[in-house]
């Protein structure tokens, strides 16, 4: 039993486990000393944690599913339905990160596609939603954890960051829309979303099995933004604004931390147990590893020469193998060419299924619901993603 739990933990947190092993081994190469404290980028960690807490709070009151359900009232065609689902991940990922967008809206989409009798399109729709999340999140500093990190260490302002990634997100949106129009055309849906009770979708997403225990998200005072949760939604919106202003440099870090901590102690203490603490811990482990390896002259000079020569290409290729978050932290330790690193790690989030760990969320949802389509999903996902990587890389060569 204990062995199964350990294997389960390793499987669910493989990046954290690898980062921890690397950090541990590096401590024998460079024994712990006073410089270790300087390795950790505290601003990035605290901004990341506070954003994660606030977004988790929104999740637990069903705010995002409510928005998605209401948008469906205006949908009458298959192409319109798919555009709506892809837009939900594309635009929400800019603010709540790509993994949260996929955790929220992929199960939601699977339920909606069943209602619309469009299960035949699940593989393509989820693939496009995943690409939408990854290309939408690349636009903003708060869309990806590694973007938050790059903004902090590069010193780029928010507008500067938007100007760098704007062309890539825009081109991706155009490509997604074109694919949907060609693949789905104008056939009417077989579901009447206009008269649909929104809460039936939300509850079927979070608690589809009535014989099982209802999750905390439904228990905390009536699921959805209504009744007891209106005041929570208002508080969370204010806290999210504080986090965004802190990332942009308008609010001191300590003010954000204090307000978020006090706000959730009063509103929903269980959030602190529900946040995925593995992500900030992974950052810390990589900070320790890179901090130590930068103090090894031979390794540092070799890495700097390789990354410095082709930062954009190296970051894209590395992301395909170890995903873009570890790539960002690793390469930033040996190269200060921030623009190509930012572009490369964001484009690199497309491609293989592990290029962005958020993409595994979509795969797991499809594999759980449709185990016979796992191979088909991997094939379609890989082909479409490789095409997007090629097009976006070509754009990077054109605009420089």
Protein backbone atom coordinates (compact mmCIF):
# COMPACT_ATOMS: atom_id res chain seq x y z
CA UNK A 1 0.00 0.00 0.00
CA UNK A 2 2.79 2.44 0.95
CA UNK A 3 4.70 1.46 -2.17
CA UNK A 4 1.66 2.20 -4.33
CA UNK A 5 1.29 5.63 -2.73
CA UNK A 6 4.94 6.43 -3.39
CA UNK A 7 4.65 5.30 -7.02
CA UNK A 8 1.48 7.36 -7.37
CA UNK A 9 3.20 10.44 -5.98
CA UNK A 10 6.19 10.01 -8.31
CA UNK A 11 3.88 9.52 -11.30
CA UNK A 12 1.83 12.62 -10.49
CA UNK A 13 4.87 14.79 -9.65
CA UNK A 14 7.61 13.47 -11.92
CA UNK A 15 9.06 16.93 -12.68
CA UNK A 16 9.27 17.78 -8.97
CA UNK A 17 10.94 14.43 -8.22
CA UNK A 18 13.54 14.89 -10.97
CA UNK A 19 14.20 18.50 -9.89
CA UNK A 20 14.63 17.38 -6.29
CA UNK A 21 17.10 14.67 -7.27
CA UNK A 22 19.12 17.14 -9.36
CA UNK A 23 19.14 19.66 -6.49
CA UNK A 24 20.19 16.98 -4.00
CA UNK A 25 23.04 15.70 -6.18
CA UNK A 26 24.25 19.24 -6.87
CA UNK A 27 24.57 19.83 -3.14
CA UNK A 28 27.44 17.31 -3.10
CA UNK A 29 29.15 19.16 -5.93
CA UNK A 30 28.74 22.55 -4.23
CA UNK A 31 28.25 22.04 -0.47
CA UNK A 32 25.60 24.24 1.18
CA UNK A 33 26.84 27.67 2.21
CA UNK A 34 25.63 31.24 2.61
CA UNK A 35 25.15 31.73 -1.13
CA UNK A 36 22.29 29.23 -1.26
CA UNK A 37 19.84 31.85 0.01
CA UNK A 38 20.52 33.98 -3.07
CA UNK A 39 19.50 31.18 -5.43
CA UNK A 40 15.77 31.47 -4.72
CA UNK A 41 13.85 34.13 -6.66
CA UNK A 42 11.46 34.98 -3.83
CA UNK A 43 9.38 37.48 -5.83
CA UNK A 44 8.56 34.89 -8.48
CA UNK A 45 7.65 32.23 -5.92
CA UNK A 46 5.38 34.51 -3.90
CA UNK A 47 3.65 35.95 -6.99
CA UNK A 48 3.10 32.45 -8.31
CA UNK A 49 1.71 31.13 -5.03
CA UNK A 50 -0.68 34.04 -4.54
CA UNK A 51 -2.01 33.77 -8.09
CA UNK A 52 -2.48 30.03 -7.66
CA UNK A 53 -4.43 30.56 -4.43
CA UNK A 54 -6.76 33.15 -5.94
CA UNK A 55 -7.42 31.09 -9.07
CA UNK A 56 -8.06 28.02 -6.93
CA UNK A 57 -10.61 30.06 -5.00
CA UNK A 58 -12.43 30.94 -8.22
CA UNK A 59 -12.38 27.27 -9.22
CA UNK A 60 -13.94 26.17 -5.95
CA UNK A 61 -16.99 28.39 -6.43
CA UNK A 62 -17.41 27.30 -10.04
CA UNK A 63 -16.86 30.77 -11.50
CA UNK A 64 -15.30 29.57 -14.74
CA UNK A 65 -17.89 26.88 -15.45
CA UNK A 66 -20.67 29.43 -14.88
CA UNK A 67 -19.12 31.72 -17.50
CA UNK A 68 -18.76 28.85 -19.97
CA UNK A 69 -22.34 27.66 -19.46
CA UNK A 70 -23.81 31.08 -20.07
CA UNK A 71 -21.79 31.57 -23.25
CA UNK A 72 -23.34 28.38 -24.61
CA UNK A 73 -26.76 30.05 -24.63
CA UNK A 74 -25.68 31.88 -27.79
CA UNK A 75 -24.46 28.77 -29.64
CA UNK A 76 -26.51 27.20 -32.45
CA UNK A 77 -23.97 25.53 -34.77
CA UNK A 78 -21.22 22.95 -34.36
CA UNK A 79 -18.57 25.41 -35.48
CA UNK A 80 -19.94 27.99 -33.05
CA UNK A 81 -19.79 25.47 -30.23
CA UNK A 82 -16.18 24.54 -30.96
CA UNK A 83 -15.17 28.20 -31.34
CA UNK A 84 -16.73 28.89 -27.93
CA UNK A 85 -14.93 25.99 -26.26
CA UNK A 86 -11.56 26.93 -27.79
CA UNK A 87 -12.04 30.60 -26.92
CA UNK A 88 -12.75 29.62 -23.31
CA UNK A 89 -9.31 28.04 -22.97
CA UNK A 90 -7.53 30.58 -25.18
CA UNK A 91 -8.70 33.70 -23.34
CA UNK A 92 -9.00 32.28 -19.81
CA UNK A 93 -5.45 30.89 -19.98
CA UNK A 94 -4.16 34.45 -20.34
CA UNK A 95 -5.26 35.09 -16.76
CA UNK A 96 -5.64 31.77 -14.93
CA UNK A 97 -2.75 29.83 -16.60
CA UNK A 98 -2.99 27.11 -19.22
CA UNK A 99 -3.16 24.18 -16.82
CA UNK A 100 -6.05 25.67 -14.81
CA UNK A 101 -7.90 26.52 -18.04
CA UNK A 102 -7.59 22.90 -19.19
CA UNK A 103 -8.44 21.39 -15.80
CA UNK A 104 -11.58 23.55 -15.79
CA UNK A 105 -12.82 23.47 -19.37
CA UNK A 106 -11.79 20.10 -20.84
CA UNK A 107 -14.13 18.10 -18.53
CA UNK A 108 -16.74 20.79 -19.18
CA UNK A 109 -16.26 20.38 -22.95
CA UNK A 110 -16.54 16.58 -22.78
CA UNK A 111 -19.92 16.92 -21.05
CA UNK A 112 -21.09 19.51 -23.57
CA UNK A 113 -20.01 17.44 -26.60
CA UNK A 114 -22.02 14.48 -25.31
CA UNK A 115 -25.11 16.69 -24.99
CA UNK A 116 -24.57 18.01 -28.53
CA UNK A 117 -24.08 14.45 -29.88
CA UNK A 118 -20.60 15.42 -31.09
CA UNK A 119 -18.54 12.74 -29.35
CA UNK A 120 -17.03 11.83 -32.72
CA UNK A 121 -15.12 15.15 -32.60
CA UNK A 122 -13.69 14.79 -29.08
CA UNK A 123 -10.08 14.19 -30.17
CA UNK A 124 -9.88 17.19 -32.49
CA UNK A 125 -11.82 19.53 -30.19
CA UNK A 126 -9.70 18.75 -27.13
CA UNK A 127 -6.53 19.07 -29.21
CA UNK A 128 -7.60 22.53 -30.40
CA UNK A 129 -8.61 23.53 -26.85
CA UNK A 130 -5.18 22.47 -25.57
CA UNK A 131 -3.41 24.45 -28.27
CA UNK A 132 -5.70 27.36 -27.46
CA UNK A 133 -4.70 27.22 -23.80
CA UNK A 134 -0.98 27.02 -24.59
CA UNK A 135 -1.03 29.82 -27.20
CA UNK A 136 -3.34 32.06 -25.18
CA UNK A 137 -1.28 31.71 -22.01
CA UNK A 138 1.93 32.65 -23.85
CA UNK A 139 0.68 36.21 -24.32
CA UNK A 140 0.68 37.45 -20.72
CA UNK A 141 3.17 37.39 -17.83
CA UNK A 142 0.57 35.65 -15.64
CA UNK A 143 -0.52 33.12 -18.29
CA UNK A 144 2.39 30.75 -17.66
CA UNK A 145 4.46 30.15 -14.55
CA UNK A 146 7.66 30.52 -16.58
CA UNK A 147 6.42 33.81 -18.06
CA UNK A 148 6.03 35.14 -14.53
CA UNK A 149 9.62 34.12 -13.87
CA UNK A 150 10.97 35.65 -17.08
CA UNK A 151 9.19 38.94 -16.44
CA UNK A 152 10.73 39.14 -12.99
CA UNK A 153 14.32 38.36 -14.00
CA UNK A 154 14.31 40.25 -17.30
CA UNK A 155 12.86 43.48 -15.91
CA UNK A 156 10.54 43.76 -18.92
CA UNK A 157 7.36 45.75 -18.35
CA UNK A 158 3.96 44.19 -19.03
CA UNK A 159 3.52 46.09 -22.30
CA UNK A 160 6.95 44.99 -23.46
CA UNK A 161 6.07 41.38 -22.71
CA UNK A 162 2.75 41.68 -24.57
CA UNK A 163 4.50 43.18 -27.59
CA UNK A 164 6.96 40.27 -27.72
CA UNK A 165 4.38 37.48 -27.63
CA UNK A 166 1.42 39.30 -29.22
CA UNK A 167 2.17 38.31 -32.85
CA UNK A 168 2.46 34.63 -31.91
CA UNK A 169 -0.80 34.51 -29.98
CA UNK A 170 -2.57 36.43 -32.75
CA UNK A 171 -1.34 34.12 -35.51
CA UNK A 172 -2.28 31.09 -33.39
CA UNK A 173 -5.81 32.44 -32.91
CA UNK A 174 -6.18 32.93 -36.67
CA UNK A 175 -4.97 29.39 -37.37
CA UNK A 176 -7.30 27.89 -34.76
CA UNK A 177 -10.28 29.76 -36.18
CA UNK A 178 -9.41 28.67 -39.73
CA UNK A 179 -9.13 25.00 -38.70
CA UNK A 180 -12.50 25.13 -36.93
CA UNK A 181 -14.27 26.75 -39.89
CA UNK A 182 -12.86 24.16 -42.32
CA UNK A 183 -13.42 21.13 -40.05
CA UNK A 184 -16.87 21.93 -38.64
CA UNK A 185 -18.53 24.28 -41.11
CA UNK A 186 -22.08 25.45 -40.23
CA UNK A 187 -24.06 22.38 -39.16
CA UNK A 188 -26.54 23.04 -36.38
CA UNK A 189 -25.98 21.41 -32.99
CA UNK A 190 -28.35 18.73 -31.75
CA UNK A 191 -28.66 20.31 -28.31
CA UNK A 192 -30.77 23.23 -27.16
CA UNK A 193 -28.23 25.13 -25.08
CA UNK A 194 -30.46 28.18 -24.91
CA UNK A 195 -32.88 26.45 -22.54
CA UNK A 196 -30.23 24.41 -20.78
CA UNK A 197 -29.89 24.72 -17.01
CA UNK A 198 -26.27 25.85 -16.59
CA UNK A 199 -25.87 24.13 -13.23
CA UNK A 200 -26.62 20.74 -14.77
CA UNK A 201 -23.44 21.05 -16.84
CA UNK A 202 -21.38 22.36 -13.94
CA UNK A 203 -22.47 19.65 -11.52
CA UNK A 204 -22.11 16.89 -14.11
CA UNK A 205 -18.53 18.09 -14.62
CA UNK A 206 -17.57 18.17 -10.94
CA UNK A 207 -19.79 15.42 -9.55
CA UNK A 208 -21.02 13.15 -12.36
CA UNK A 209 -21.55 10.15 -10.06
CA UNK A 210 -24.40 10.68 -7.59
CA UNK A 211 -23.42 7.67 -5.47
CA UNK A 212 -20.02 9.22 -4.64
CA UNK A 213 -19.17 11.93 -2.15
CA UNK A 214 -19.70 15.45 -3.40
CA UNK A 215 -16.46 17.47 -3.64
CA UNK A 216 -15.73 20.55 -1.55
CA UNK A 217 -16.28 22.76 -4.58
CA UNK A 218 -20.00 22.01 -4.37
CA UNK A 219 -20.23 22.02 -0.59
CA UNK A 220 -18.89 25.44 0.27
CA UNK A 221 -22.19 27.25 0.35
CA UNK A 222 -23.93 26.39 -2.90
CA UNK A 223 -21.94 25.66 -6.04
CA UNK A 224 -21.63 28.52 -8.52
CA UNK A 225 -21.69 32.31 -8.27
CA UNK A 226 -24.95 32.71 -6.51
CA UNK A 227 -26.34 32.81 -3.00
CA UNK A 228 -23.55 32.65 -0.44
CA UNK A 229 -20.79 32.79 -3.06
CA UNK A 230 -21.47 36.25 -4.49
CA UNK A 231 -19.37 37.93 -1.83
CA UNK A 232 -16.59 35.37 -2.35
CA UNK A 233 -16.52 36.14 -6.07
CA UNK A 234 -16.19 39.87 -5.34
CA UNK A 235 -13.38 39.32 -2.83
CA UNK A 236 -11.51 37.00 -5.19
CA UNK A 237 -11.84 39.49 -8.06
CA UNK A 238 -10.30 42.21 -5.90
CA UNK A 239 -7.48 39.89 -4.82
CA UNK A 240 -6.81 38.89 -8.42
CA UNK A 241 -6.53 42.55 -9.36
CA UNK A 242 -4.06 43.07 -6.50
CA UNK A 243 -1.97 40.13 -7.80
CA UNK A 244 -1.97 41.52 -11.34
CA UNK A 245 -0.93 44.96 -10.10
CA UNK A 246 1.86 43.39 -8.05
CA UNK A 247 3.19 41.53 -11.09
CA UNK A 248 3.13 44.84 -13.00
CA UNK A 249 5.02 46.56 -10.17
CA UNK A 250 2.25 48.83 -8.89
CA UNK A 251 1.60 47.09 -5.55
CA UNK A 252 4.34 45.99 -3.09
CA UNK A 253 4.90 42.26 -2.77
CA UNK A 254 4.21 42.20 0.97
CA UNK A 255 0.82 43.89 0.49
CA UNK A 256 -0.26 41.20 -1.97
CA UNK A 257 0.89 38.37 0.28
CA UNK A 258 -0.85 39.81 3.34
CA UNK A 259 -4.14 40.50 1.55
CA UNK A 260 -4.30 37.09 -0.15
CA UNK A 261 -3.47 35.21 3.04
CA UNK A 262 -5.98 37.11 5.20
CA UNK A 263 -8.61 37.04 2.46
CA UNK A 264 -8.59 33.26 2.17
CA UNK A 265 -8.35 32.65 5.89
CA UNK A 266 -11.68 34.51 6.08
CA UNK A 267 -13.27 33.20 2.85
CA UNK A 268 -12.17 29.60 2.33
CA UNK A 269 -9.32 28.10 4.34
CA UNK A 270 -9.47 24.79 2.47
CA UNK A 271 -7.92 26.53 -0.53
CA UNK A 272 -4.52 26.21 1.13
CA UNK A 273 -4.93 22.42 1.03
CA UNK A 274 -6.16 22.37 -2.58
CA UNK A 275 -3.42 24.44 -4.21
CA UNK A 276 -0.87 22.44 -6.22
CA UNK A 277 2.19 23.13 -4.09
CA UNK A 278 4.32 20.92 -6.34
CA UNK A 279 4.80 23.75 -8.84
CA UNK A 280 6.47 26.32 -6.53
CA UNK A 281 8.49 23.50 -4.93
CA UNK A 282 9.68 22.48 -8.41
CA UNK A 283 10.82 26.05 -9.04
CA UNK A 284 12.76 26.08 -5.76
CA UNK A 285 14.50 22.77 -6.54
CA UNK A 286 15.54 23.98 -9.99
CA UNK A 287 16.77 27.27 -8.49
CA UNK A 288 19.05 25.27 -6.17
CA UNK A 289 20.33 23.06 -8.98
CA UNK A 290 21.05 25.93 -11.37
CA UNK A 291 22.56 28.06 -8.61
CA UNK A 292 25.00 25.30 -7.80
CA UNK A 293 25.87 24.41 -11.40
CA UNK A 294 26.61 28.05 -12.23
CA UNK A 295 29.39 27.81 -9.63
CA UNK A 296 31.04 24.96 -11.53
CA UNK A 297 33.23 26.79 -14.10
CA UNK A 298 33.53 23.98 -16.67
CA UNK A 299 29.80 23.25 -16.75
CA UNK A 300 28.82 26.91 -16.68
CA UNK A 301 31.04 27.92 -19.60
CA UNK A 302 29.94 24.95 -21.75
CA UNK A 303 26.24 25.57 -21.09
CA UNK A 304 26.57 29.31 -21.71
CA UNK A 305 28.29 28.74 -25.07
CA UNK A 306 25.64 26.27 -26.28
CA UNK A 307 22.61 28.25 -25.12
CA UNK A 308 24.05 31.64 -26.04
CA UNK A 309 24.71 30.59 -29.64
CA UNK A 310 21.11 29.55 -30.43
CA UNK A 311 18.84 30.47 -27.50
CA UNK A 312 15.54 30.30 -29.41
CA UNK A 313 16.19 26.96 -31.11
CA UNK A 314 17.72 25.39 -27.98
CA UNK A 315 14.75 26.46 -25.84
CA UNK A 316 12.24 25.02 -28.34
CA UNK A 317 14.07 21.69 -28.61
CA UNK A 318 14.72 21.43 -24.87
CA UNK A 319 11.04 22.06 -24.13
CA UNK A 320 10.09 19.05 -26.26
CA UNK A 321 12.15 16.83 -23.98
CA UNK A 322 11.74 18.23 -20.46
CA UNK A 323 8.81 20.70 -20.88
CA UNK A 324 9.02 24.47 -21.00
CA UNK A 325 8.98 25.35 -17.28
CA UNK A 326 12.19 23.42 -16.41
CA UNK A 327 13.72 24.62 -19.68
CA UNK A 328 13.06 28.24 -18.74
CA UNK A 329 14.76 27.94 -15.37
CA UNK A 330 17.66 25.86 -16.68
CA UNK A 331 18.53 28.02 -19.69
CA UNK A 332 18.06 31.33 -17.86
CA UNK A 333 20.93 30.33 -15.61
CA UNK A 334 23.36 30.45 -18.52
CA UNK A 335 21.95 33.02 -20.95
CA UNK A 336 20.69 36.59 -20.61
CA UNK A 337 19.12 36.89 -24.07
CA UNK A 338 15.63 37.19 -22.62
CA UNK A 339 13.58 37.82 -25.77
CA UNK A 340 14.55 34.64 -27.67
CA UNK A 341 14.28 32.62 -24.47
CA UNK A 342 10.78 33.93 -23.83
CA UNK A 343 9.70 33.25 -27.41
CA UNK A 344 11.39 29.86 -27.57
CA UNK A 345 9.99 28.47 -24.32
CA UNK A 346 6.48 29.63 -25.20
CA UNK A 347 6.58 28.18 -28.72
CA UNK A 348 8.24 25.14 -27.17
CA UNK A 349 5.12 24.53 -25.09
CA UNK A 350 3.63 23.17 -28.32
CA UNK A 351 4.91 20.00 -29.93
CA UNK A 352 5.22 16.82 -27.88
CA UNK A 353 2.68 15.88 -25.24
CA UNK A 354 5.21 16.74 -22.50
CA UNK A 355 6.38 20.05 -24.02
CA UNK A 356 3.92 21.76 -21.70
CA UNK A 357 2.91 19.73 -18.65
CA UNK A 358 -0.53 21.34 -18.90
CA UNK A 359 -1.10 19.33 -22.09
CA UNK A 360 -1.06 16.14 -20.04
CA UNK A 361 -4.24 17.35 -18.33
CA UNK A 362 -6.13 17.10 -21.63
CA UNK A 363 -4.63 13.72 -22.49
CA UNK A 364 -5.55 12.28 -19.09
CA UNK A 365 -9.14 13.49 -19.40
CA UNK A 366 -9.57 11.94 -22.86
CA UNK A 367 -7.80 8.72 -21.83
CA UNK A 368 -10.01 8.39 -18.74
CA UNK A 369 -13.28 8.94 -20.63
CA UNK A 370 -12.34 7.32 -23.96
CA UNK A 371 -9.52 4.80 -23.35
CA UNK A 372 -9.91 3.39 -26.87
CA UNK A 373 -8.98 6.79 -28.37
CA UNK A 374 -5.65 7.35 -26.59
CA UNK A 375 -3.54 6.46 -29.61
CA UNK A 376 -5.71 8.49 -31.96
CA UNK A 377 -5.48 11.50 -29.63
CA UNK A 378 -1.66 11.31 -29.43
CA UNK A 379 -1.41 11.09 -33.21
CA UNK A 380 -3.75 14.03 -33.92
CA UNK A 381 -2.28 16.10 -31.09
CA UNK A 382 1.29 15.55 -32.31
CA UNK A 383 0.55 16.32 -35.96
CA UNK A 384 -1.37 19.52 -35.28
CA UNK A 385 1.13 20.71 -32.67
CA UNK A 386 4.14 20.10 -34.90
CA UNK A 387 2.42 22.18 -37.58
CA UNK A 388 1.88 25.02 -35.09
CA UNK A 389 5.51 24.88 -33.92
CA UNK A 390 6.73 25.05 -37.52
CA UNK A 391 4.50 28.02 -38.38
CA UNK A 392 5.33 29.98 -35.20
CA UNK A 393 9.04 29.26 -35.55
CA UNK A 394 8.83 30.54 -39.11
CA UNK A 395 7.18 33.71 -37.81
CA UNK A 396 10.04 34.17 -35.32
CA UNK A 397 12.54 34.03 -38.18
CA UNK A 398 10.57 36.63 -40.12
CA UNK A 399 10.02 39.20 -37.38
CA UNK A 400 13.25 38.54 -35.49
